[in-house]
């Protein structure tokens, strides 16, 4: 099982109102500089939010959503502090997410 942590908000908020692209680009460059594999993904309309144990988060999302998912809990906690208006949580999956 893989443990994933996430920050989720409306697609409009994460794509248009916050500098998420810049944040993720800087994080990618940092990982490359220390030869660390990328362990986060930006996903539009993530399906994991339909899991029964995440219903309490889904009810607060209006329309399309977007999420940043990572294996790194501290990174997601930092995003919550940096971006502010996101919901955070975690889930488990037997499936490994990839950038393919």
PDB file of N, CA and C in Angstrom:
ATOM      1  N   UNK A   1       0.838  -1.180   0.000  1.00  0.00           N
ATOM      2  CA  UNK A   1       0.000   0.000   0.000  1.00  0.00           C
ATOM      3  C   UNK A   1       0.886   1.247   0.000  1.00  0.00           C
ATOM      4  N   UNK A   2       0.407   2.222  -0.703  1.00  0.00           N
ATOM      5  CA  UNK A   2       1.090   3.508  -0.765  1.00  0.00           C
ATOM      6  C   UNK A   2       0.295   4.521   0.055  1.00  0.00           C
ATOM      7  N   UNK A   3       1.001   5.302   0.861  1.00  0.00           N
ATOM      8  CA  UNK A   3       0.377   6.360   1.646  1.00  0.00           C
ATOM      9  C   UNK A   3       0.557   7.682   0.920  1.00  0.00           C
ATOM     10  N   UNK A   4      -0.553   8.339   0.627  1.00  0.00           N
ATOM     11  CA  UNK A   4      -0.520   9.620  -0.059  1.00  0.00           C
ATOM     12  C   UNK A   4      -1.087  10.698   0.853  1.00  0.00           C
ATOM     13  N   UNK A   5      -0.508  11.872   0.751  1.00  0.00           N
ATOM     14  CA  UNK A   5      -0.990  13.048   1.448  1.00  0.00           C
ATOM     15  C   UNK A   5      -1.374  14.050   0.377  1.00  0.00           C
ATOM     16  N   UNK A   6      -2.382  14.881   0.660  1.00  0.00           N
ATOM     17  CA  UNK A   6      -2.839  15.786  -0.385  1.00  0.00           C
ATOM     18  C   UNK A   6      -3.286  17.131   0.166  1.00  0.00           C
ATOM     19  N   UNK A   7      -3.239  18.098  -0.728  1.00  0.00           N
ATOM     20  CA  UNK A   7      -3.842  19.416  -0.524  1.00  0.00           C
ATOM     21  C   UNK A   7      -4.798  19.591  -1.693  1.00  0.00           C
ATOM     22  N   UNK A   8      -6.046  19.930  -1.416  1.00  0.00           N
ATOM     23  CA  UNK A   8      -7.061  20.025  -2.466  1.00  0.00           C
ATOM     24  C   UNK A   8      -7.869  21.306  -2.299  1.00  0.00           C
ATOM     25  N   UNK A   9      -8.258  21.865  -3.431  1.00  0.00           N
ATOM     26  CA  UNK A   9      -9.093  23.073  -3.451  1.00  0.00           C
ATOM     27  C   UNK A   9      -9.787  23.121  -4.801  1.00  0.00           C
ATOM     28  N   UNK A  10     -10.523  24.193  -5.035  1.00  0.00           N
ATOM     29  CA  UNK A  10     -11.163  24.327  -6.333  1.00  0.00           C
ATOM     30  C   UNK A  10     -10.077  24.487  -7.400  1.00  0.00           C
ATOM     31  N   UNK A  11     -10.383  23.993  -8.584  1.00  0.00           N
ATOM     32  CA  UNK A  11      -9.438  24.121  -9.702  1.00  0.00           C
ATOM     33  C   UNK A  11      -9.129  25.590  -9.960  1.00  0.00           C
ATOM     34  N   UNK A  12     -10.142  26.434  -9.939  1.00  0.00           N
ATOM     35  CA  UNK A  12      -9.937  27.859 -10.179  1.00  0.00           C
ATOM     36  C   UNK A  12      -8.950  28.458  -9.185  1.00  0.00           C
ATOM     37  N   UNK A  13      -9.097  28.106  -7.923  1.00  0.00           N
ATOM     38  CA  UNK A  13      -8.205  28.641  -6.896  1.00  0.00           C
ATOM     39  C   UNK A  13      -6.758  28.212  -7.127  1.00  0.00           C
ATOM     40  N   UNK A  14      -6.535  26.922  -7.328  1.00  0.00           N
ATOM     41  CA  UNK A  14      -5.159  26.441  -7.476  1.00  0.00           C
ATOM     42  C   UNK A  14      -4.526  26.801  -8.821  1.00  0.00           C
ATOM     43  N   UNK A  15      -5.326  26.928  -9.865  1.00  0.00           N
ATOM     44  CA  UNK A  15      -4.768  27.210 -11.186  1.00  0.00           C
ATOM     45  C   UNK A  15      -4.664  28.712 -11.452  1.00  0.00           C
ATOM     46  N   UNK A  16      -5.656  29.482 -11.017  1.00  0.00           N
ATOM     47  CA  UNK A  16      -5.698  30.900 -11.378  1.00  0.00           C
ATOM     48  C   UNK A  16      -5.355  31.877 -10.261  1.00  0.00           C
ATOM     49  N   UNK A  17      -5.669  31.530  -9.026  1.00  0.00           N
ATOM     50  CA  UNK A  17      -5.514  32.497  -7.952  1.00  0.00           C
ATOM     51  C   UNK A  17      -4.227  32.355  -7.137  1.00  0.00           C
ATOM     52  N   UNK A  18      -3.640  31.198  -7.125  1.00  0.00           N
ATOM     53  CA  UNK A  18      -2.418  30.959  -6.358  1.00  0.00           C
ATOM     54  C   UNK A  18      -1.267  30.618  -7.296  1.00  0.00           C
ATOM     55  N   UNK A  19      -0.055  30.969  -6.907  1.00  0.00           N
ATOM     56  CA  UNK A  19       1.112  30.680  -7.763  1.00  0.00           C
ATOM     57  C   UNK A  19       1.592  29.235  -7.636  1.00  0.00           C
ATOM     58  N   UNK A  20       0.670  28.280  -7.743  1.00  0.00           N
ATOM     59  CA  UNK A  20       1.003  26.871  -7.547  1.00  0.00           C
ATOM     60  C   UNK A  20       2.014  26.389  -8.580  1.00  0.00           C
ATOM     61  N   UNK A  21       1.869  26.854  -9.816  1.00  0.00           N
ATOM     62  CA  UNK A  21       2.821  26.438 -10.849  1.00  0.00           C
ATOM     63  C   UNK A  21       4.243  26.818 -10.447  1.00  0.00           C
ATOM     64  N   UNK A  22       4.409  28.022  -9.956  1.00  0.00           N
ATOM     65  CA  UNK A  22       5.733  28.474  -9.525  1.00  0.00           C
ATOM     66  C   UNK A  22       6.241  27.659  -8.337  1.00  0.00           C
ATOM     67  N   UNK A  23       5.372  27.395  -7.382  1.00  0.00           N
ATOM     68  CA  UNK A  23       5.757  26.609  -6.207  1.00  0.00           C
ATOM     69  C   UNK A  23       6.229  25.222  -6.622  1.00  0.00           C
ATOM     70  N   UNK A  24       5.475  24.565  -7.512  1.00  0.00           N
ATOM     71  CA  UNK A  24       5.839  23.210  -7.937  1.00  0.00           C
ATOM     72  C   UNK A  24       7.086  23.214  -8.821  1.00  0.00           C
ATOM     73  N   UNK A  25       7.253  24.234  -9.622  1.00  0.00           N
ATOM     74  CA  UNK A  25       8.464  24.348 -10.447  1.00  0.00           C
ATOM     75  C   UNK A  25       9.703  24.499  -9.551  1.00  0.00           C
ATOM     76  N   UNK A  26       9.600  25.343  -8.528  1.00  0.00           N
ATOM     77  CA  UNK A  26      10.719  25.519  -7.593  1.00  0.00           C
ATOM     78  C   UNK A  26      11.014  24.213  -6.857  1.00  0.00           C
ATOM     79  N   UNK A  27       9.982  23.509  -6.464  1.00  0.00           N
ATOM     80  CA  UNK A  27      10.164  22.235  -5.764  1.00  0.00           C
ATOM     81  C   UNK A  27      10.825  21.210  -6.684  1.00  0.00           C
ATOM     82  N   UNK A  28      10.400  21.173  -7.954  1.00  0.00           N
ATOM     83  CA  UNK A  28      10.997  20.271  -8.939  1.00  0.00           C
ATOM     84  C   UNK A  28      12.476  20.590  -9.121  1.00  0.00           C
ATOM     85  N   UNK A  29      12.810  21.853  -9.263  1.00  0.00           N
ATOM     86  CA  UNK A  29      14.211  22.254  -9.422  1.00  0.00           C
ATOM     87  C   UNK A  29      15.035  21.882  -8.192  1.00  0.00           C
ATOM     88  N   UNK A  30      14.465  22.059  -7.019  1.00  0.00           N
ATOM     89  CA  UNK A  30      15.168  21.684  -5.789  1.00  0.00           C
ATOM     90  C   UNK A  30      15.430  20.178  -5.762  1.00  0.00           C
ATOM     91  N   UNK A  31      14.424  19.375  -6.090  1.00  0.00           N
ATOM     92  CA  UNK A  31      14.601  17.927  -6.113  1.00  0.00           C
ATOM     93  C   UNK A  31      15.689  17.530  -7.103  1.00  0.00           C
ATOM     94  N   UNK A  32      15.691  18.155  -8.264  1.00  0.00           N
ATOM     95  CA  UNK A  32      16.724  17.849  -9.258  1.00  0.00           C
ATOM     96  C   UNK A  32      18.114  18.196  -8.728  1.00  0.00           C
ATOM     97  N   UNK A  33      18.225  19.310  -8.021  1.00  0.00           N
ATOM     98  CA  UNK A  33      19.531  19.739  -7.521  1.00  0.00           C
ATOM     99  C   UNK A  33      20.096  18.798  -6.455  1.00  0.00           C
ATOM    100  N   UNK A  34      19.212  18.073  -5.763  1.00  0.00           N
ATOM    101  CA  UNK A  34      19.682  17.126  -4.743  1.00  0.00           C
ATOM    102  C   UNK A  34      19.508  15.677  -5.205  1.00  0.00           C
ATOM    103  N   UNK A  35      19.224  15.492  -6.494  1.00  0.00           N
ATOM    104  CA  UNK A  35      19.048  14.159  -7.087  1.00  0.00           C
ATOM    105  C   UNK A  35      17.982  13.322  -6.378  1.00  0.00           C
ATOM    106  N   UNK A  36      16.874  13.955  -6.072  1.00  0.00           N
ATOM    107  CA  UNK A  36      15.755  13.256  -5.432  1.00  0.00           C
ATOM    108  C   UNK A  36      14.656  13.048  -6.468  1.00  0.00           C
ATOM    109  N   UNK A  37      14.062  11.853  -6.452  1.00  0.00           N
ATOM    110  CA  UNK A  37      12.953  11.567  -7.349  1.00  0.00           C
ATOM    111  C   UNK A  37      11.749  12.429  -6.995  1.00  0.00           C
ATOM    112  N   UNK A  38      11.005  12.830  -8.011  1.00  0.00           N
ATOM    113  CA  UNK A  38       9.788  13.602  -7.797  1.00  0.00           C
ATOM    114  C   UNK A  38       8.770  12.713  -7.078  1.00  0.00           C
ATOM    115  N   UNK A  39       8.234  13.199  -5.980  1.00  0.00           N
ATOM    116  CA  UNK A  39       7.275  12.425  -5.202  1.00  0.00           C
ATOM    117  C   UNK A  39       5.970  13.197  -4.995  1.00  0.00           C
ATOM    118  N   UNK A  40       5.652  14.064  -5.959  1.00  0.00           N
ATOM    119  CA  UNK A  40       4.404  14.801  -5.885  1.00  0.00           C
ATOM    120  C   UNK A  40       3.814  14.949  -7.281  1.00  0.00           C
ATOM    121  N   UNK A  41       2.489  15.145  -7.308  1.00  0.00           N
ATOM    122  CA  UNK A  41       1.754  15.242  -8.570  1.00  0.00           C
ATOM    123  C   UNK A  41       0.689  16.314  -8.430  1.00  0.00           C
ATOM    124  N   UNK A  42       0.411  17.008  -9.520  1.00  0.00           N
ATOM    125  CA  UNK A  42      -0.704  17.959  -9.594  1.00  0.00           C
ATOM    126  C   UNK A  42      -1.777  17.301 -10.449  1.00  0.00           C
ATOM    127  N   UNK A  43      -2.971  17.154  -9.900  1.00  0.00           N
ATOM    128  CA  UNK A  43      -4.029  16.412 -10.587  1.00  0.00           C
ATOM    129  C   UNK A  43      -5.311  17.243 -10.618  1.00  0.00           C
ATOM    130  N   UNK A  44      -5.905  17.329 -11.809  1.00  0.00           N
ATOM    131  CA  UNK A  44      -7.199  17.983 -11.960  1.00  0.00           C
ATOM    132  C   UNK A  44      -8.302  16.952 -11.750  1.00  0.00           C
ATOM    133  N   UNK A  45      -9.356  17.340 -11.058  1.00  0.00           N
ATOM    134  CA  UNK A  45     -10.502  16.473 -10.773  1.00  0.00           C
ATOM    135  C   UNK A  45     -10.087  15.088 -10.269  1.00  0.00           C
ATOM    136  N   UNK A  46      -9.363  15.051  -9.166  1.00  0.00           N
ATOM    137  CA  UNK A  46      -8.898  13.760  -8.646  1.00  0.00           C
ATOM    138  C   UNK A  46     -10.054  12.859  -8.213  1.00  0.00           C
ATOM    139  N   UNK A  47      -9.948  11.600  -8.559  1.00  0.00           N
ATOM    140  CA  UNK A  47     -11.010  10.649  -8.214  1.00  0.00           C
ATOM    141  C   UNK A  47     -10.926  10.158  -6.769  1.00  0.00           C
ATOM    142  N   UNK A  48      -9.770  10.280  -6.142  1.00  0.00           N
ATOM    143  CA  UNK A  48      -9.643   9.795  -4.770  1.00  0.00           C
ATOM    144  C   UNK A  48     -10.601  10.521  -3.825  1.00  0.00           C
ATOM    145  N   UNK A  49     -11.021  11.726  -4.189  1.00  0.00           N
ATOM    146  CA  UNK A  49     -11.900  12.496  -3.313  1.00  0.00           C
ATOM    147  C   UNK A  49     -13.278  11.844  -3.168  1.00  0.00           C
ATOM    148  N   UNK A  50     -13.566  10.869  -4.032  1.00  0.00           N
ATOM    149  CA  UNK A  50     -14.839  10.143  -3.945  1.00  0.00           C
ATOM    150  C   UNK A  50     -14.808   8.996  -2.943  1.00  0.00           C
ATOM    151  N   UNK A  51     -13.671   8.782  -2.293  1.00  0.00           N
ATOM    152  CA  UNK A  51     -13.583   7.726  -1.291  1.00  0.00           C
ATOM    153  C   UNK A  51     -14.510   8.076  -0.117  1.00  0.00           C
ATOM    154  N   UNK A  52     -15.200   7.094   0.427  1.00  0.00           N
ATOM    155  CA  UNK A  52     -16.154   7.364   1.519  1.00  0.00           C
ATOM    156  C   UNK A  52     -15.559   8.123   2.711  1.00  0.00           C
ATOM    157  N   UNK A  53     -14.322   7.835   3.052  1.00  0.00           N
ATOM    158  CA  UNK A  53     -13.719   8.494   4.214  1.00  0.00           C
ATOM    159  C   UNK A  53     -13.315   9.945   3.931  1.00  0.00           C
ATOM    160  N   UNK A  54     -13.451  10.411   2.684  1.00  0.00           N
ATOM    161  CA  UNK A  54     -13.120  11.800   2.344  1.00  0.00           C
ATOM    162  C   UNK A  54     -14.368  12.615   2.006  1.00  0.00           C
ATOM    163  N   UNK A  55     -15.525  12.050   2.279  1.00  0.00           N
ATOM    164  CA  UNK A  55     -16.789  12.723   1.972  1.00  0.00           C
ATOM    165  C   UNK A  55     -16.868  14.097   2.637  1.00  0.00           C
ATOM    166  N   UNK A  56     -16.350  14.216   3.851  1.00  0.00           N
ATOM    167  CA  UNK A  56     -16.396  15.489   4.571  1.00  0.00           C
ATOM    168  C   UNK A  56     -15.622  16.589   3.843  1.00  0.00           C
ATOM    169  N   UNK A  57     -14.607  16.239   3.093  1.00  0.00           N
ATOM    170  CA  UNK A  57     -13.848  17.222   2.314  1.00  0.00           C
ATOM    171  C   UNK A  57     -14.573  17.522   1.006  1.00  0.00           C
ATOM    172  N   UNK A  58     -15.070  16.494   0.362  1.00  0.00           N
ATOM    173  CA  UNK A  58     -15.746  16.675  -0.927  1.00  0.00           C
ATOM    174  C   UNK A  58     -16.942  17.613  -0.812  1.00  0.00           C
ATOM    175  N   UNK A  59     -17.647  17.581   0.288  1.00  0.00           N
ATOM    176  CA  UNK A  59     -18.827  18.436   0.444  1.00  0.00           C
ATOM    177  C   UNK A  59     -18.474  19.921   0.437  1.00  0.00           C
ATOM    178  N   UNK A  60     -17.224  20.267   0.729  1.00  0.00           N
ATOM    179  CA  UNK A  60     -16.807  21.678   0.742  1.00  0.00           C
ATOM    180  C   UNK A  60     -16.298  22.158  -0.607  1.00  0.00           C
ATOM    181  N   UNK A  61     -16.135  21.256  -1.560  1.00  0.00           N
ATOM    182  CA  UNK A  61     -15.626  21.629  -2.877  1.00  0.00           C
ATOM    183  C   UNK A  61     -16.793  21.901  -3.826  1.00  0.00           C
ATOM    184  N   UNK A  62     -16.749  23.029  -4.466  1.00  0.00           N
ATOM    185  CA  UNK A  62     -17.785  23.374  -5.440  1.00  0.00           C
ATOM    186  C   UNK A  62     -17.195  23.270  -6.837  1.00  0.00           C
ATOM    187  N   UNK A  63     -17.797  22.485  -7.689  1.00  0.00           N
ATOM    188  CA  UNK A  63     -17.330  22.372  -9.071  1.00  0.00           C
ATOM    189  C   UNK A  63     -16.055  21.563  -9.181  1.00  0.00           C
ATOM    190  N   UNK A  64     -15.241  21.892 -10.184  1.00  0.00           N
ATOM    191  CA  UNK A  64     -13.992  21.161 -10.436  1.00  0.00           C
ATOM    192  C   UNK A  64     -12.996  21.409  -9.320  1.00  0.00           C
ATOM    193  N   UNK A  65     -12.224  20.384  -9.052  1.00  0.00           N
ATOM    194  CA  UNK A  65     -11.192  20.508  -8.026  1.00  0.00           C
ATOM    195  C   UNK A  65      -9.831  20.161  -8.612  1.00  0.00           C
ATOM    196  N   UNK A  66      -8.813  20.506  -7.869  1.00  0.00           N
ATOM    197  CA  UNK A  66      -7.440  20.167  -8.227  1.00  0.00           C
ATOM    198  C   UNK A  66      -6.724  19.810  -6.934  1.00  0.00           C
ATOM    199  N   UNK A  67      -5.732  18.945  -7.058  1.00  0.00           N
ATOM    200  CA  UNK A  67      -5.021  18.500  -5.862  1.00  0.00           C
ATOM    201  C   UNK A  67      -3.534  18.357  -6.138  1.00  0.00           C
ATOM    202  N   UNK A  68      -2.778  18.565  -5.097  1.00  0.00           N
ATOM    203  CA  UNK A  68      -1.355  18.254  -5.100  1.00  0.00           C
ATOM    204  C   UNK A  68      -1.226  17.068  -4.162  1.00  0.00           C
ATOM    205  N   UNK A  69      -0.667  15.993  -4.676  1.00  0.00           N
ATOM    206  CA  UNK A  69      -0.553  14.740  -3.933  1.00  0.00           C
ATOM    207  C   UNK A  69       0.926  14.416  -3.770  1.00  0.00           C
ATOM    208  N   UNK A  70       1.295  13.898  -2.621  1.00  0.00           N
ATOM    209  CA  UNK A  70       2.700  13.582  -2.364  1.00  0.00           C
ATOM    210  C   UNK A  70       2.814  12.435  -1.371  1.00  0.00           C
ATOM    211  N   UNK A  71       3.989  11.812  -1.374  1.00  0.00           N
ATOM    212  CA  UNK A  71       4.330  10.848  -0.329  1.00  0.00           C
ATOM    213  C   UNK A  71       4.813  11.581   0.923  1.00  0.00           C
ATOM    214  N   UNK A  72       5.169  12.842   0.769  1.00  0.00           N
ATOM    215  CA  UNK A  72       5.808  13.641   1.813  1.00  0.00           C
ATOM    216  C   UNK A  72       4.780  14.447   2.606  1.00  0.00           C
ATOM    217  N   UNK A  73       4.456  13.990   3.788  1.00  0.00           N
ATOM    218  CA  UNK A  73       3.473  14.656   4.635  1.00  0.00           C
ATOM    219  C   UNK A  73       3.905  16.080   4.977  1.00  0.00           C
ATOM    220  N   UNK A  74       5.186  16.271   5.242  1.00  0.00           N
ATOM    221  CA  UNK A  74       5.677  17.607   5.602  1.00  0.00           C
ATOM    222  C   UNK A  74       5.534  18.602   4.456  1.00  0.00           C
ATOM    223  N   UNK A  75       5.720  18.154   3.225  1.00  0.00           N
ATOM    224  CA  UNK A  75       5.536  19.020   2.071  1.00  0.00           C
ATOM    225  C   UNK A  75       4.082  19.488   1.992  1.00  0.00           C
ATOM    226  N   UNK A  76       3.133  18.586   2.192  1.00  0.00           N
ATOM    227  CA  UNK A  76       1.723  18.949   2.147  1.00  0.00           C
ATOM    228  C   UNK A  76       1.381  19.891   3.299  1.00  0.00           C
ATOM    229  N   UNK A  77       1.922  19.658   4.474  1.00  0.00           N
ATOM    230  CA  UNK A  77       1.696  20.568   5.597  1.00  0.00           C
ATOM    231  C   UNK A  77       2.260  21.953   5.285  1.00  0.00           C
ATOM    232  N   UNK A  78       3.436  22.001   4.659  1.00  0.00           N
ATOM    233  CA  UNK A  78       4.025  23.278   4.264  1.00  0.00           C
ATOM    234  C   UNK A  78       3.130  23.979   3.241  1.00  0.00           C
ATOM    235  N   UNK A  79       2.592  23.215   2.261  1.00  0.00           N
ATOM    236  CA  UNK A  79       1.687  23.807   1.276  1.00  0.00           C
ATOM    237  C   UNK A  79       0.466  24.414   1.958  1.00  0.00           C
ATOM    238  N   UNK A  80      -0.080  23.738   2.946  1.00  0.00           N
ATOM    239  CA  UNK A  80      -1.242  24.251   3.684  1.00  0.00           C
ATOM    240  C   UNK A  80      -0.908  25.601   4.311  1.00  0.00           C
ATOM    241  N   UNK A  81       0.273  25.724   4.854  1.00  0.00           N
ATOM    242  CA  UNK A  81       0.694  26.998   5.440  1.00  0.00           C
ATOM    243  C   UNK A  81       0.961  28.042   4.364  1.00  0.00           C
ATOM    244  N   UNK A  82       1.551  27.632   3.264  1.00  0.00           N
ATOM    245  CA  UNK A  82       1.932  28.549   2.177  1.00  0.00           C
ATOM    246  C   UNK A  82       0.734  29.038   1.390  1.00  0.00           C
ATOM    247  N   UNK A  83      -0.188  28.142   1.061  1.00  0.00           N
ATOM    248  CA  UNK A  83      -1.319  28.489   0.221  1.00  0.00           C
ATOM    249  C   UNK A  83      -2.528  28.912   1.070  1.00  0.00           C
ATOM    250  N   UNK A  84      -2.724  28.244   2.175  1.00  0.00           N
ATOM    251  CA  UNK A  84      -3.798  28.627   3.082  1.00  0.00           C
ATOM    252  C   UNK A  84      -5.128  27.965   2.821  1.00  0.00           C
ATOM    253  N   UNK A  85      -5.835  28.379   1.811  1.00  0.00           N
ATOM    254  CA  UNK A  85      -7.219  27.951   1.603  1.00  0.00           C
ATOM    255  C   UNK A  85      -7.320  26.630   0.851  1.00  0.00           C
ATOM    256  N   UNK A  86      -6.719  25.595   1.418  1.00  0.00           N
ATOM    257  CA  UNK A  86      -6.804  24.244   0.870  1.00  0.00           C
ATOM    258  C   UNK A  86      -7.188  23.298   2.001  1.00  0.00           C
ATOM    259  N   UNK A  87      -7.811  22.210   1.632  1.00  0.00           N
ATOM    260  CA  UNK A  87      -8.081  21.147   2.594  1.00  0.00           C
ATOM    261  C   UNK A  87      -6.966  20.123   2.444  1.00  0.00           C
ATOM    262  N   UNK A  88      -6.566  19.529   3.529  1.00  0.00           N
ATOM    263  CA  UNK A  88      -5.516  18.512   3.471  1.00  0.00           C
ATOM    264  C   UNK A  88      -6.027  17.216   4.075  1.00  0.00           C
ATOM    265  N   UNK A  89      -5.374  16.146   3.701  1.00  0.00           N
ATOM    266  CA  UNK A  89      -5.737  14.843   4.223  1.00  0.00           C
ATOM    267  C   UNK A  89      -4.815  13.785   3.678  1.00  0.00           C
ATOM    268  N   UNK A  90      -5.226  12.555   3.843  1.00  0.00           N
ATOM    269  CA  UNK A  90      -4.407  11.452   3.342  1.00  0.00           C
ATOM    270  C   UNK A  90      -5.300  10.283   2.951  1.00  0.00           C
ATOM    271  N   UNK A  91      -4.756   9.402   2.159  1.00  0.00           N
ATOM    272  CA  UNK A  91      -5.444   8.189   1.758  1.00  0.00           C
ATOM    273  C   UNK A  91      -4.408   7.145   1.390  1.00  0.00           C
ATOM    274  N   UNK A  92      -4.849   5.898   1.326  1.00  0.00           N
ATOM    275  CA  UNK A  92      -3.983   4.802   0.913  1.00  0.00           C
ATOM    276  C   UNK A  92      -4.487   4.225  -0.400  1.00  0.00           C
ATOM    277  N   UNK A  93      -3.552   3.736  -1.193  1.00  0.00           N
ATOM    278  CA  UNK A  93      -3.902   3.113  -2.463  1.00  0.00           C
ATOM    279  C   UNK A  93      -2.931   1.990  -2.753  1.00  0.00           C
ATOM    280  N   UNK A  94      -3.431   0.961  -3.397  1.00  0.00           N
ATOM    281  CA  UNK A  94      -2.562  -0.120  -3.834  1.00  0.00           C
ATOM    282  C   UNK A  94      -1.817   0.272  -5.109  1.00  0.00           C
ATOM    283  N   UNK A  95      -2.324   1.310  -5.770  1.00  0.00           N
ATOM    284  CA  UNK A  95      -1.797   1.759  -7.033  1.00  0.00           C
ATOM    285  C   UNK A  95      -0.787   2.900  -6.842  1.00  0.00           C
ATOM    286  N   UNK A  96       0.310   2.826  -7.549  1.00  0.00           N
ATOM    287  CA  UNK A  96       1.318   3.877  -7.525  1.00  0.00           C
ATOM    288  C   UNK A  96       0.969   4.921  -8.571  1.00  0.00           C
ATOM    289  N   UNK A  97       0.905   6.174  -8.153  1.00  0.00           N
ATOM    290  CA  UNK A  97       0.690   7.249  -9.118  1.00  0.00           C
ATOM    291  C   UNK A  97       1.959   7.468  -9.912  1.00  0.00           C
ATOM    292  N   UNK A  98       1.798   7.823 -11.179  1.00  0.00           N
ATOM    293  CA  UNK A  98       2.955   8.134 -12.009  1.00  0.00           C
ATOM    294  C   UNK A  98       2.660   9.377 -12.820  1.00  0.00           C
ATOM    295  N   UNK A  99       3.692   9.936 -13.412  1.00  0.00           N
ATOM    296  CA  UNK A  99       3.545  11.116 -14.268  1.00  0.00           C
ATOM    297  C   UNK A  99       3.345  10.718 -15.715  1.00  0.00           C
ATOM    298  N   UNK A 100       3.101   9.464 -15.984  1.00  0.00           N
ATOM    299  CA  UNK A 100       2.942   8.978 -17.357  1.00  0.00           C
ATOM    300  C   UNK A 100       1.541   9.178 -17.870  1.00  0.00           C
TER     301      UNK A 100
END
